[in-house]
Amino acid sequence: LIFALILMLAALLWLVVAKEVWMLYLFAIVFGFAYGGIGTSQSPLVARLFGLSSHGLILGFVDFSFLIGAAVGPILTGYLFDVTSSYQSAFLVCGAIAIAGLVSIALLTPIRGKRGQPSV
């Protein structure tokens, strides 16, 4: 997940300076791999960090939070474009959110069971 977030951050920062069509294609490829990596690593990461007893509940909360961002993101991006006449500030905001996610993920630690082993 950390690697995917780093890829996503790199793609978003690349998009800020993209001026030609091939640069957009490169962004789409890198961002697509990053997005896929994030999506496929969520469920195993939740299981590893929090165990299986509440896996569905926690994964549901994670996915719900993701969907809130997916719903608010286009509205915020449109607003930023209307105010600045450019998408660059929106891409920078997305980059900042990726950095916040990267820091948050780096700080997560698995819960411990009765004998100090990760709870699974």
PDB file of N, CA and C in Angstrom:
ATOM      1  N   LEU A   1       0.831  -1.187   0.000  1.00  0.00           N
ATOM      2  CA  LEU A   1       0.000   0.000   0.000  1.00  0.00           C
ATOM      3  C   LEU A   1       0.874   1.248   0.000  1.00  0.00           C
ATOM      4  N   ILE A   2       1.958   1.208   0.746  1.00  0.00           N
ATOM      5  CA  ILE A   2       2.861   2.358   0.769  1.00  0.00           C
ATOM      6  C   ILE A   2       3.457   2.586  -0.619  1.00  0.00           C
ATOM      7  N   PHE A   3       3.881   1.515  -1.273  1.00  0.00           N
ATOM      8  CA  PHE A   3       4.435   1.646  -2.625  1.00  0.00           C
ATOM      9  C   PHE A   3       3.397   2.221  -3.587  1.00  0.00           C
ATOM     10  N   ALA A   4       2.151   1.750  -3.487  1.00  0.00           N
ATOM     11  CA  ALA A   4       1.088   2.248  -4.363  1.00  0.00           C
ATOM     12  C   ALA A   4       0.819   3.732  -4.104  1.00  0.00           C
ATOM     13  N   LEU A   5       0.833   4.147  -2.848  1.00  0.00           N
ATOM     14  CA  LEU A   5       0.630   5.568  -2.540  1.00  0.00           C
ATOM     15  C   LEU A   5       1.784   6.430  -3.046  1.00  0.00           C
ATOM     16  N   ILE A   6       2.997   5.902  -2.977  1.00  0.00           N
ATOM     17  CA  ILE A   6       4.140   6.642  -3.529  1.00  0.00           C
ATOM     18  C   ILE A   6       3.990   6.780  -5.044  1.00  0.00           C
ATOM     19  N   LEU A   7       3.573   5.701  -5.714  1.00  0.00           N
ATOM     20  CA  LEU A   7       3.324   5.779  -7.150  1.00  0.00           C
ATOM     21  C   LEU A   7       2.233   6.795  -7.476  1.00  0.00           C
ATOM     22  N   MET A   8       1.168   6.781  -6.680  1.00  0.00           N
ATOM     23  CA  MET A   8       0.073   7.721  -6.912  1.00  0.00           C
ATOM     24  C   MET A   8       0.546   9.159  -6.724  1.00  0.00           C
ATOM     25  N   LEU A   9       1.313   9.394  -5.682  1.00  0.00           N
ATOM     26  CA  LEU A   9       1.846  10.731  -5.446  1.00  0.00           C
ATOM     27  C   LEU A   9       2.732  11.172  -6.607  1.00  0.00           C
ATOM     28  N   ALA A  10       3.592  10.283  -7.077  1.00  0.00           N
ATOM     29  CA  ALA A  10       4.464  10.612  -8.208  1.00  0.00           C
ATOM     30  C   ALA A  10       3.637  10.923  -9.450  1.00  0.00           C
ATOM     31  N   ALA A  11       2.592  10.140  -9.693  1.00  0.00           N
ATOM     32  CA  ALA A  11       1.740  10.381 -10.857  1.00  0.00           C
ATOM     33  C   ALA A  11       1.032  11.733 -10.750  1.00  0.00           C
ATOM     34  N   LEU A  12       0.534  12.061  -9.574  1.00  0.00           N
ATOM     35  CA  LEU A  12      -0.162  13.337  -9.402  1.00  0.00           C
ATOM     36  C   LEU A  12       0.786  14.520  -9.559  1.00  0.00           C
ATOM     37  N   LEU A  13       1.979  14.394  -9.026  1.00  0.00           N
ATOM     38  CA  LEU A  13       2.956  15.471  -9.199  1.00  0.00           C
ATOM     39  C   LEU A  13       3.390  15.579 -10.660  1.00  0.00           C
ATOM     40  N   TRP A  14       3.484  14.449 -11.347  1.00  0.00           N
ATOM     41  CA  TRP A  14       3.794  14.445 -12.773  1.00  0.00           C
ATOM     42  C   TRP A  14       2.700  15.177 -13.551  1.00  0.00           C
ATOM     43  N   LEU A  15       1.452  14.980 -13.151  1.00  0.00           N
ATOM     44  CA  LEU A  15       0.330  15.602 -13.845  1.00  0.00           C
ATOM     45  C   LEU A  15       0.362  17.125 -13.721  1.00  0.00           C
ATOM     46  N   VAL A  16       0.920  17.630 -12.638  1.00  0.00           N
ATOM     47  CA  VAL A  16       1.016  19.084 -12.459  1.00  0.00           C
ATOM     48  C   VAL A  16       1.878  19.701 -13.565  1.00  0.00           C
ATOM     49  N   VAL A  17       2.926  19.005 -13.981  1.00  0.00           N
ATOM     50  CA  VAL A  17       3.840  19.556 -14.986  1.00  0.00           C
ATOM     51  C   VAL A  17       3.560  19.027 -16.393  1.00  0.00           C
ATOM     52  N   ALA A  18       2.591  18.135 -16.543  1.00  0.00           N
ATOM     53  CA  ALA A  18       2.296  17.549 -17.855  1.00  0.00           C
ATOM     54  C   ALA A  18       1.768  18.611 -18.812  1.00  0.00           C
ATOM     55  N   LYS A  19       2.371  18.672 -19.992  1.00  0.00           N
ATOM     56  CA  LYS A  19       1.966  19.650 -20.999  1.00  0.00           C
ATOM     57  C   LYS A  19       1.634  19.009 -22.346  1.00  0.00           C
ATOM     58  N   GLU A  20       1.977  17.723 -22.507  1.00  0.00           N
ATOM     59  CA  GLU A  20       1.756  17.055 -23.783  1.00  0.00           C
ATOM     60  C   GLU A  20       0.938  15.784 -23.572  1.00  0.00           C
ATOM     61  N   VAL A  21       0.379  15.288 -24.661  1.00  0.00           N
ATOM     62  CA  VAL A  21      -0.511  14.130 -24.573  1.00  0.00           C
ATOM     63  C   VAL A  21       0.216  12.897 -24.057  1.00  0.00           C
ATOM     64  N   TRP A  22       1.460  12.648 -24.492  1.00  0.00           N
ATOM     65  CA  TRP A  22       2.182  11.461 -24.030  1.00  0.00           C
ATOM     66  C   TRP A  22       2.384  11.503 -22.519  1.00  0.00           C
ATOM     67  N   MET A  23       2.481  12.720 -21.964  1.00  0.00           N
ATOM     68  CA  MET A  23       2.641  12.849 -20.509  1.00  0.00           C
ATOM     69  C   MET A  23       1.356  12.435 -19.793  1.00  0.00           C
ATOM     70  N   LEU A  24       0.227  12.720 -20.416  1.00  0.00           N
ATOM     71  CA  LEU A  24      -1.053  12.288 -19.859  1.00  0.00           C
ATOM     72  C   LEU A  24      -1.172  10.768 -19.907  1.00  0.00           C
ATOM     73  N   TYR A  25      -0.717  10.157 -20.995  1.00  0.00           N
ATOM     74  CA  TYR A  25      -0.747   8.695 -21.102  1.00  0.00           C
ATOM     75  C   TYR A  25       0.135   8.052 -20.026  1.00  0.00           C
ATOM     76  N   LEU A  26       1.315   8.607 -19.825  1.00  0.00           N
ATOM     77  CA  LEU A  26       2.199   8.082 -18.789  1.00  0.00           C
ATOM     78  C   LEU A  26       1.554   8.219 -17.410  1.00  0.00           C
ATOM     79  N   PHE A  27       0.927   9.362 -17.160  1.00  0.00           N
ATOM     80  CA  PHE A  27       0.196   9.547 -15.904  1.00  0.00           C
ATOM     81  C   PHE A  27      -0.859   8.464 -15.732  1.00  0.00           C
ATOM     82  N   ALA A  28      -1.650   8.221 -16.782  1.00  0.00           N
ATOM     83  CA  ALA A  28      -2.746   7.258 -16.694  1.00  0.00           C
ATOM     84  C   ALA A  28      -2.231   5.857 -16.376  1.00  0.00           C
ATOM     85  N   ILE A  29      -1.112   5.468 -16.966  1.00  0.00           N
ATOM     86  CA  ILE A  29      -0.548   4.136 -16.708  1.00  0.00           C
ATOM     87  C   ILE A  29      -0.082   4.019 -15.258  1.00  0.00           C
ATOM     88  N   VAL A  30       0.701   4.991 -14.805  1.00  0.00           N
ATOM     89  CA  VAL A  30       1.233   4.942 -13.434  1.00  0.00           C
ATOM     90  C   VAL A  30       0.108   5.060 -12.412  1.00  0.00           C
ATOM     91  N   PHE A  31      -0.813   5.996 -12.636  1.00  0.00           N
ATOM     92  CA  PHE A  31      -1.924   6.182 -11.709  1.00  0.00           C
ATOM     93  C   PHE A  31      -2.809   4.936 -11.661  1.00  0.00           C
ATOM     94  N   GLY A  32      -3.013   4.298 -12.810  1.00  0.00           N
ATOM     95  CA  GLY A  32      -3.824   3.077 -12.844  1.00  0.00           C
ATOM     96  C   GLY A  32      -3.210   1.952 -12.038  1.00  0.00           C
ATOM     97  N   PHE A  33      -1.898   1.755 -12.169  1.00  0.00           N
ATOM     98  CA  PHE A  33      -1.226   0.731 -11.358  1.00  0.00           C
ATOM     99  C   PHE A  33      -1.316   1.082  -9.871  1.00  0.00           C
ATOM    100  N   ALA A  34      -1.136   2.350  -9.537  1.00  0.00           N
ATOM    101  CA  ALA A  34      -1.211   2.774  -8.135  1.00  0.00           C
ATOM    102  C   ALA A  34      -2.608   2.554  -7.571  1.00  0.00           C
ATOM    103  N   TYR A  35      -3.613   2.948  -8.320  1.00  0.00           N
ATOM    104  CA  TYR A  35      -5.000   2.808  -7.877  1.00  0.00           C
ATOM    105  C   TYR A  35      -5.353   1.330  -7.683  1.00  0.00           C
ATOM    106  N   GLY A  36      -4.914   0.501  -8.627  1.00  0.00           N
ATOM    107  CA  GLY A  36      -5.151  -0.937  -8.498  1.00  0.00           C
ATOM    108  C   GLY A  36      -4.435  -1.529  -7.304  1.00  0.00           C
ATOM    109  N   GLY A  37      -3.222  -1.054  -7.041  1.00  0.00           N
ATOM    110  CA  GLY A  37      -2.473  -1.540  -5.884  1.00  0.00           C
ATOM    111  C   GLY A  37      -3.135  -1.176  -4.576  1.00  0.00           C
ATOM    112  N   ILE A  38      -3.701   0.010  -4.528  1.00  0.00           N
ATOM    113  CA  ILE A  38      -4.398   0.439  -3.311  1.00  0.00           C
ATOM    114  C   ILE A  38      -5.649  -0.409  -3.114  1.00  0.00           C
ATOM    115  N   GLY A  39      -6.410  -0.592  -4.178  1.00  0.00           N
ATOM    116  CA  GLY A  39      -7.652  -1.362  -4.074  1.00  0.00           C
ATOM    117  C   GLY A  39      -7.438  -2.805  -3.659  1.00  0.00           C
ATOM    118  N   THR A  40      -6.406  -3.440  -4.200  1.00  0.00           N
ATOM    119  CA  THR A  40      -6.191  -4.854  -3.893  1.00  0.00           C
ATOM    120  C   THR A  40      -5.497  -5.080  -2.560  1.00  0.00           C
ATOM    121  N   SER A  41      -4.857  -4.079  -2.025  1.00  0.00           N
ATOM    122  CA  SER A  41      -4.139  -4.280  -0.765  1.00  0.00           C
ATOM    123  C   SER A  41      -4.965  -3.909   0.468  1.00  0.00           C
ATOM    124  N   GLN A  42      -6.115  -3.298   0.290  1.00  0.00           N
ATOM    125  CA  GLN A  42      -6.911  -2.868   1.445  1.00  0.00           C
ATOM    126  C   GLN A  42      -7.387  -4.023   2.309  1.00  0.00           C
ATOM    127  N   SER A  43      -8.013  -5.007   1.709  1.00  0.00           N
ATOM    128  CA  SER A  43      -8.571  -6.105   2.499  1.00  0.00           C
ATOM    129  C   SER A  43      -7.493  -6.901   3.244  1.00  0.00           C
ATOM    130  N   PRO A  44      -6.398  -7.312   2.589  1.00  0.00           N
ATOM    131  CA  PRO A  44      -5.358  -8.023   3.337  1.00  0.00           C
ATOM    132  C   PRO A  44      -4.718  -7.156   4.426  1.00  0.00           C
ATOM    133  N   LEU A  45      -4.576  -5.868   4.165  1.00  0.00           N
ATOM    134  CA  LEU A  45      -3.974  -4.991   5.167  1.00  0.00           C
ATOM    135  C   LEU A  45      -4.875  -4.849   6.389  1.00  0.00           C
ATOM    136  N   VAL A  46      -6.175  -4.702   6.154  1.00  0.00           N
ATOM    137  CA  VAL A  46      -7.119  -4.624   7.279  1.00  0.00           C
ATOM    138  C   VAL A  46      -7.060  -5.916   8.085  1.00  0.00           C
ATOM    139  N   ALA A  47      -7.007  -7.067   7.413  1.00  0.00           N
ATOM    140  CA  ALA A  47      -6.935  -8.348   8.118  1.00  0.00           C
ATOM    141  C   ALA A  47      -5.648  -8.447   8.930  1.00  0.00           C
ATOM    142  N   ARG A  48      -4.545  -8.013   8.361  1.00  0.00           N
ATOM    143  CA  ARG A  48      -3.258  -8.111   9.063  1.00  0.00           C
ATOM    144  C   ARG A  48      -3.193  -7.170  10.254  1.00  0.00           C
ATOM    145  N   LEU A  49      -3.721  -5.976  10.091  1.00  0.00           N
ATOM    146  CA  LEU A  49      -3.613  -4.979  11.155  1.00  0.00           C
ATOM    147  C   LEU A  49      -4.626  -5.187  12.279  1.00  0.00           C
ATOM    148  N   PHE A  50      -5.836  -5.600  11.922  1.00  0.00           N
ATOM    149  CA  PHE A  50      -6.909  -5.620  12.922  1.00  0.00           C
ATOM    150  C   PHE A  50      -7.487  -7.000  13.184  1.00  0.00           C
ATOM    151  N   GLY A  51      -6.988  -8.016  12.494  1.00  0.00           N
ATOM    152  CA  GLY A  51      -7.510  -9.355  12.704  1.00  0.00           C
ATOM    153  C   GLY A  51      -8.757  -9.614  11.877  1.00  0.00           C
ATOM    154  N   LEU A  52      -9.260 -10.831  11.986  1.00  0.00           N
ATOM    155  CA  LEU A  52     -10.403 -11.233  11.172  1.00  0.00           C
ATOM    156  C   LEU A  52     -11.739 -11.121  11.883  1.00  0.00           C
ATOM    157  N   SER A  53     -11.729 -10.929  13.183  1.00  0.00           N
ATOM    158  CA  SER A  53     -13.000 -10.942  13.919  1.00  0.00           C
ATOM    159  C   SER A  53     -13.919  -9.798  13.510  1.00  0.00           C
ATOM    160  N   SER A  54     -13.387  -8.658  13.179  1.00  0.00           N
ATOM    161  CA  SER A  54     -14.206  -7.525  12.742  1.00  0.00           C
ATOM    162  C   SER A  54     -13.805  -7.047  11.355  1.00  0.00           C
ATOM    163  N   HIS A  55     -13.285  -7.951  10.557  1.00  0.00           N
ATOM    164  CA  HIS A  55     -12.761  -7.585   9.235  1.00  0.00           C
ATOM    165  C   HIS A  55     -13.813  -6.886   8.374  1.00  0.00           C
ATOM    166  N   GLY A  56     -15.003  -7.439   8.300  1.00  0.00           N
ATOM    167  CA  GLY A  56     -16.055  -6.863   7.463  1.00  0.00           C
ATOM    168  C   GLY A  56     -16.442  -5.456   7.891  1.00  0.00           C
ATOM    169  N   LEU A  57     -16.574  -5.265   9.186  1.00  0.00           N
ATOM    170  CA  LEU A  57     -16.948  -3.947   9.702  1.00  0.00           C
ATOM    171  C   LEU A  57     -15.873  -2.906   9.412  1.00  0.00           C
ATOM    172  N   ILE A  58     -14.634  -3.255   9.676  1.00  0.00           N
ATOM    173  CA  ILE A  58     -13.535  -2.305   9.472  1.00  0.00           C
ATOM    174  C   ILE A  58     -13.335  -2.040   7.987  1.00  0.00           C
ATOM    175  N   LEU A  59     -13.362  -3.076   7.157  1.00  0.00           N
ATOM    176  CA  LEU A  59     -13.211  -2.879   5.720  1.00  0.00           C
ATOM    177  C   LEU A  59     -14.371  -2.059   5.160  1.00  0.00           C
ATOM    178  N   GLY A  60     -15.557  -2.268   5.676  1.00  0.00           N
ATOM    179  CA  GLY A  60     -16.703  -1.454   5.264  1.00  0.00           C
ATOM    180  C   GLY A  60     -16.496   0.007   5.593  1.00  0.00           C
ATOM    181  N   PHE A  61     -15.951   0.295   6.762  1.00  0.00           N
ATOM    182  CA  PHE A  61     -15.665   1.679   7.134  1.00  0.00           C
ATOM    183  C   PHE A  61     -14.590   2.280   6.232  1.00  0.00           C
ATOM    184  N   VAL A  62     -13.541   1.498   5.945  1.00  0.00           N
ATOM    185  CA  VAL A  62     -12.466   1.967   5.060  1.00  0.00           C
ATOM    186  C   VAL A  62     -13.028   2.276   3.673  1.00  0.00           C
ATOM    187  N   ASP A  63     -13.830   1.364   3.137  1.00  0.00           N
ATOM    188  CA  ASP A  63     -14.403   1.577   1.807  1.00  0.00           C
ATOM    189  C   ASP A  63     -15.389   2.739   1.797  1.00  0.00           C
ATOM    190  N   PHE A  64     -16.175   2.890   2.870  1.00  0.00           N
ATOM    191  CA  PHE A  64     -17.098   4.011   2.960  1.00  0.00           C
ATOM    192  C   PHE A  64     -16.343   5.335   2.977  1.00  0.00           C
ATOM    193  N   SER A  65     -15.258   5.388   3.724  1.00  0.00           N
ATOM    194  CA  SER A  65     -14.437   6.598   3.758  1.00  0.00           C
ATOM    195  C   SER A  65     -13.870   6.897   2.379  1.00  0.00           C
ATOM    196  N   PHE A  66     -13.446   5.864   1.675  1.00  0.00           N
ATOM    197  CA  PHE A  66     -12.935   6.024   0.315  1.00  0.00           C
ATOM    198  C   PHE A  66     -14.025   6.586  -0.604  1.00  0.00           C
ATOM    199  N   LEU A  67     -15.247   6.082  -0.465  1.00  0.00           N
ATOM    200  CA  LEU A  67     -16.344   6.547  -1.304  1.00  0.00           C
ATOM    201  C   LEU A  67     -16.730   7.994  -1.007  1.00  0.00           C
ATOM    202  N   ILE A  68     -16.604   8.405   0.242  1.00  0.00           N
ATOM    203  CA  ILE A  68     -16.855   9.817   0.570  1.00  0.00           C
ATOM    204  C   ILE A  68     -15.862  10.698  -0.184  1.00  0.00           C
ATOM    205  N   GLY A  69     -14.603  10.301  -0.164  1.00  0.00           N
ATOM    206  CA  GLY A  69     -13.590  11.050  -0.916  1.00  0.00           C
ATOM    207  C   GLY A  69     -13.874  11.043  -2.408  1.00  0.00           C
ATOM    208  N   ALA A  70     -14.334   9.898  -2.930  1.00  0.00           N
ATOM    209  CA  ALA A  70     -14.647   9.804  -4.356  1.00  0.00           C
ATOM    210  C   ALA A  70     -15.842  10.679  -4.734  1.00  0.00           C
ATOM    211  N   ALA A  71     -16.751  10.888  -3.798  1.00  0.00           N
ATOM    212  CA  ALA A  71     -17.910  11.742  -4.064  1.00  0.00           C
ATOM    213  C   ALA A  71     -17.566  13.228  -3.936  1.00  0.00           C
ATOM    214  N   VAL A  72     -16.745  13.573  -2.962  1.00  0.00           N
ATOM    215  CA  VAL A  72     -16.403  14.976  -2.713  1.00  0.00           C
ATOM    216  C   VAL A  72     -15.316  15.455  -3.680  1.00  0.00           C
ATOM    217  N   GLY A  73     -14.423  14.564  -4.095  1.00  0.00           N
ATOM    218  CA  GLY A  73     -13.293  14.934  -4.939  1.00  0.00           C
ATOM    219  C   GLY A  73     -13.660  15.672  -6.215  1.00  0.00           C
ATOM    220  N   PRO A  74     -14.572  15.152  -7.027  1.00  0.00           N
ATOM    221  CA  PRO A  74     -14.922  15.867  -8.259  1.00  0.00           C
ATOM    222  C   PRO A  74     -15.565  17.231  -8.005  1.00  0.00           C
ATOM    223  N   ILE A  75     -16.339  17.335  -6.948  1.00  0.00           N
ATOM    224  CA  ILE A  75     -16.959  18.621  -6.627  1.00  0.00           C
ATOM    225  C   ILE A  75     -15.897  19.633  -6.222  1.00  0.00           C
ATOM    226  N   LEU A  76     -14.967  19.212  -5.357  1.00  0.00           N
ATOM    227  CA  LEU A  76     -13.882  20.092  -4.936  1.00  0.00           C
ATOM    228  C   LEU A  76     -12.981  20.460  -6.121  1.00  0.00           C
ATOM    229  N   THR A  77     -12.708  19.493  -6.987  1.00  0.00           N
ATOM    230  CA  THR A  77     -11.886  19.762  -8.161  1.00  0.00           C
ATOM    231  C   THR A  77     -12.561  20.771  -9.080  1.00  0.00           C
ATOM    232  N   GLY A  78     -13.843  20.617  -9.301  1.00  0.00           N
ATOM    233  CA  GLY A  78     -14.583  21.579 -10.121  1.00  0.00           C
ATOM    234  C   GLY A  78     -14.576  22.972  -9.516  1.00  0.00           C
ATOM    235  N   TYR A  79     -14.738  23.035  -8.207  1.00  0.00           N
ATOM    236  CA  TYR A  79     -14.702  24.330  -7.528  1.00  0.00           C
ATOM    237  C   TYR A  79     -13.326  24.983  -7.675  1.00  0.00           C
ATOM    238  N   LEU A  80     -12.267  24.205  -7.448  1.00  0.00           N
ATOM    239  CA  LEU A  80     -10.915  24.752  -7.582  1.00  0.00           C
ATOM    240  C   LEU A  80     -10.637  25.212  -9.014  1.00  0.00           C
ATOM    241  N   PHE A  81     -11.159  24.484  -9.990  1.00  0.00           N
ATOM    242  CA  PHE A  81     -10.988  24.916 -11.376  1.00  0.00           C
ATOM    243  C   PHE A  81     -11.744  26.223 -11.634  1.00  0.00           C
ATOM    244  N   ASP A  82     -12.967  26.327 -11.116  1.00  0.00           N
ATOM    245  CA  ASP A  82     -13.748  27.553 -11.305  1.00  0.00           C
ATOM    246  C   ASP A  82     -13.060  28.763 -10.683  1.00  0.00           C
ATOM    247  N   VAL A  83     -12.430  28.561  -9.538  1.00  0.00           N
ATOM    248  CA  VAL A  83     -11.781  29.665  -8.835  1.00  0.00           C
ATOM    249  C   VAL A  83     -10.445  30.039  -9.477  1.00  0.00           C
ATOM    250  N   THR A  84      -9.662  29.039  -9.901  1.00  0.00           N
ATOM    251  CA  THR A  84      -8.300  29.306 -10.365  1.00  0.00           C
ATOM    252  C   THR A  84      -8.132  29.194 -11.884  1.00  0.00           C
ATOM    253  N   SER A  85      -9.128  28.688 -12.598  1.00  0.00           N
ATOM    254  CA  SER A  85      -9.056  28.434 -14.042  1.00  0.00           C
ATOM    255  C   SER A  85      -7.935  27.455 -14.400  1.00  0.00           C
ATOM    256  N   SER A  86      -7.603  26.576 -13.479  1.00  0.00           N
ATOM    257  CA  SER A  86      -6.549  25.589 -13.691  1.00  0.00           C
ATOM    258  C   SER A  86      -6.818  24.382 -12.793  1.00  0.00           C
ATOM    259  N   TYR A  87      -6.384  23.231 -13.274  1.00  0.00           N
ATOM    260  CA  TYR A  87      -6.497  22.018 -12.468  1.00  0.00           C
ATOM    261  C   TYR A  87      -5.270  21.783 -11.595  1.00  0.00           C
ATOM    262  N   GLN A  88      -4.238  22.575 -11.751  1.00  0.00           N
ATOM    263  CA  GLN A  88      -2.994  22.334 -11.020  1.00  0.00           C
ATOM    264  C   GLN A  88      -3.192  22.357  -9.506  1.00  0.00           C
ATOM    265  N   SER A  89      -3.982  23.290  -9.003  1.00  0.00           N
ATOM    266  CA  SER A  89      -4.193  23.326  -7.551  1.00  0.00           C
ATOM    267  C   SER A  89      -4.937  22.078  -7.073  1.00  0.00           C
ATOM    268  N   ALA A  90      -5.859  21.573  -7.890  1.00  0.00           N
ATOM    269  CA  ALA A  90      -6.576  20.348  -7.521  1.00  0.00           C
ATOM    270  C   ALA A  90      -5.624  19.161  -7.479  1.00  0.00           C
ATOM    271  N   PHE A  91      -4.695  19.091  -8.444  1.00  0.00           N
ATOM    272  CA  PHE A  91      -3.722  18.002  -8.444  1.00  0.00           C
ATOM    273  C   PHE A  91      -2.797  18.108  -7.234  1.00  0.00           C
ATOM    274  N   LEU A  92      -2.456  19.308  -6.850  1.00  0.00           N
ATOM    275  CA  LEU A  92      -1.613  19.499  -5.657  1.00  0.00           C
ATOM    276  C   LEU A  92      -2.359  19.099  -4.387  1.00  0.00           C
ATOM    277  N   VAL A  93      -3.647  19.414  -4.317  1.00  0.00           N
ATOM    278  CA  VAL A  93      -4.450  18.994  -3.168  1.00  0.00           C
ATOM    279  C   VAL A  93      -4.514  17.467  -3.110  1.00  0.00           C
ATOM    280  N   CYS A  94      -4.699  16.828  -4.260  1.00  0.00           N
ATOM    281  CA  CYS A  94      -4.701  15.361  -4.299  1.00  0.00           C
ATOM    282  C   CYS A  94      -3.350  14.803  -3.855  1.00  0.00           C
ATOM    283  N   GLY A  95      -2.274  15.461  -4.258  1.00  0.00           N
ATOM    284  CA  GLY A  95      -0.945  15.048  -3.818  1.00  0.00           C
ATOM    285  C   GLY A  95      -0.786  15.170  -2.313  1.00  0.00           C
ATOM    286  N   ALA A  96      -1.306  16.261  -1.749  1.00  0.00           N
ATOM    287  CA  ALA A  96      -1.239  16.451  -0.299  1.00  0.00           C
ATOM    288  C   ALA A  96      -2.047  15.374   0.426  1.00  0.00           C
ATOM    289  N   ILE A  97      -3.184  15.012  -0.130  1.00  0.00           N
ATOM    290  CA  ILE A  97      -3.986  13.941   0.470  1.00  0.00           C
ATOM    291  C   ILE A  97      -3.245  12.611   0.375  1.00  0.00           C
ATOM    292  N   ALA A  98      -2.548  12.369  -0.732  1.00  0.00           N
ATOM    293  CA  ALA A  98      -1.754  11.149  -0.861  1.00  0.00           C
ATOM    294  C   ALA A  98      -0.626  11.123   0.175  1.00  0.00           C
ATOM    295  N   ILE A  99      -0.010  12.268   0.426  1.00  0.00           N
ATOM    296  CA  ILE A  99       1.038  12.333   1.453  1.00  0.00           C
ATOM    297  C   ILE A  99       0.441  12.041   2.829  1.00  0.00           C
ATOM    298  N   ALA A 100      -0.723  12.601   3.121  1.00  0.00           N
ATOM    299  CA  ALA A 100      -1.375  12.331   4.400  1.00  0.00           C
ATOM    300  C   ALA A 100      -1.706  10.845   4.537  1.00  0.00           C
ATOM    301  N   GLY A 101      -2.173  10.231   3.459  1.00  0.00           N
ATOM    302  CA  GLY A 101      -2.441   8.790   3.487  1.00  0.00           C
ATOM    303  C   GLY A 101      -1.179   7.976   3.684  1.00  0.00           C
ATOM    304  N   LEU A 102      -0.109   8.398   3.044  1.00  0.00           N
ATOM    305  CA  LEU A 102       1.173   7.718   3.181  1.00  0.00           C
ATOM    306  C   LEU A 102       1.674   7.765   4.624  1.00  0.00           C
ATOM    307  N   VAL A 103       1.584   8.921   5.245  1.00  0.00           N
ATOM    308  CA  VAL A 103       2.013   9.067   6.639  1.00  0.00           C
ATOM    309  C   VAL A 103       1.114   8.236   7.547  1.00  0.00           C
ATOM    310  N   SER A 104      -0.191   8.275   7.304  1.00  0.00           N
ATOM    311  CA  SER A 104      -1.134   7.508   8.124  1.00  0.00           C
ATOM    312  C   SER A 104      -0.864   6.015   8.042  1.00  0.00           C
ATOM    313  N   ILE A 105      -0.634   5.515   6.841  1.00  0.00           N
ATOM    314  CA  ILE A 105      -0.372   4.090   6.657  1.00  0.00           C
ATOM    315  C   ILE A 105       0.950   3.700   7.313  1.00  0.00           C
ATOM    316  N   ALA A 106       1.943   4.563   7.212  1.00  0.00           N
ATOM    317  CA  ALA A 106       3.249   4.266   7.811  1.00  0.00           C
ATOM    318  C   ALA A 106       3.164   4.175   9.336  1.00  0.00           C
ATOM    319  N   LEU A 107       2.205   4.856   9.934  1.00  0.00           N
ATOM    320  CA  LEU A 107       2.069   4.853  11.390  1.00  0.00           C
ATOM    321  C   LEU A 107       1.220   3.709  11.930  1.00  0.00           C
ATOM    322  N   LEU A 108       0.529   2.971  11.052  1.00  0.00           N
ATOM    323  CA  LEU A 108      -0.308   1.864  11.512  1.00  0.00           C
ATOM    324  C   LEU A 108       0.547   0.704  12.008  1.00  0.00           C
ATOM    325  N   THR A 109       0.108   0.085  13.089  1.00  0.00           N
ATOM    326  CA  THR A 109       0.770  -1.112  13.605  1.00  0.00           C
ATOM    327  C   THR A 109      -0.294  -2.166  13.896  1.00  0.00           C
ATOM    328  N   PRO A 110       0.035  -3.441  13.720  1.00  0.00           N
ATOM    329  CA  PRO A 110      -0.947  -4.497  13.986  1.00  0.00           C
ATOM    330  C   PRO A 110      -1.314  -4.547  15.463  1.00  0.00           C
ATOM    331  N   ILE A 111      -2.563  -4.947  15.726  1.00  0.00           N
ATOM    332  CA  ILE A 111      -2.945  -5.178  17.113  1.00  0.00           C
ATOM    333  C   ILE A 111      -2.266  -6.452  17.585  1.00  0.00           C
ATOM    334  N   ARG A 112      -2.043  -6.559  18.859  1.00  0.00           N
ATOM    335  CA  ARG A 112      -1.343  -7.724  19.425  1.00  0.00           C
ATOM    336  C   ARG A 112      -2.326  -8.604  20.175  1.00  0.00           C
ATOM    337  N   GLY A 113      -2.122  -9.907  20.030  1.00  0.00           N
ATOM    338  CA  GLY A 113      -2.951 -10.876  20.736  1.00  0.00           C
ATOM    339  C   GLY A 113      -2.460 -11.047  22.171  1.00  0.00           C
ATOM    340  N   LYS A 114      -2.934 -12.100  22.795  1.00  0.00           N
ATOM    341  CA  LYS A 114      -2.619 -12.362  24.210  1.00  0.00           C
ATOM    342  C   LYS A 114      -1.144 -12.630  24.443  1.00  0.00           C
ATOM    343  N   ARG A 115      -0.464 -13.213  23.482  1.00  0.00           N
ATOM    344  CA  ARG A 115       0.938 -13.571  23.678  1.00  0.00           C
ATOM    345  C   ARG A 115       1.887 -12.659  22.896  1.00  0.00           C
ATOM    346  N   GLY A 116       1.444 -11.492  22.531  1.00  0.00           N
ATOM    347  CA  GLY A 116       2.289 -10.555  21.831  1.00  0.00           C
ATOM    348  C   GLY A 116       2.400 -10.787  20.343  1.00  0.00           C
ATOM    349  N   GLN A 117       1.689 -11.810  19.827  1.00  0.00           N
ATOM    350  CA  GLN A 117       1.716 -12.087  18.405  1.00  0.00           C
ATOM    351  C   GLN A 117       0.613 -11.268  17.710  1.00  0.00           C
ATOM    352  N   PRO A 118       0.832 -10.925  16.433  1.00  0.00           N
ATOM    353  CA  PRO A 118      -0.243 -10.216  15.712  1.00  0.00           C
ATOM    354  C   PRO A 118      -1.526 -11.039  15.724  1.00  0.00           C
ATOM    355  N   SER A 119      -2.622 -10.397  15.997  1.00  0.00           N
ATOM    356  CA  SER A 119      -3.927 -11.063  16.048  1.00  0.00           C
ATOM    357  C   SER A 119      -4.419 -11.308  14.634  1.00  0.00           C
ATOM    358  N   VAL A 120      -4.732 -12.576  14.324  1.00  0.00           N
ATOM    359  CA  VAL A 120      -5.212 -12.913  12.975  1.00  0.00           C
ATOM    360  C   VAL A 120      -6.502 -13.660  13.058  1.00  0.00           C
TER     361      VAL A 120
END
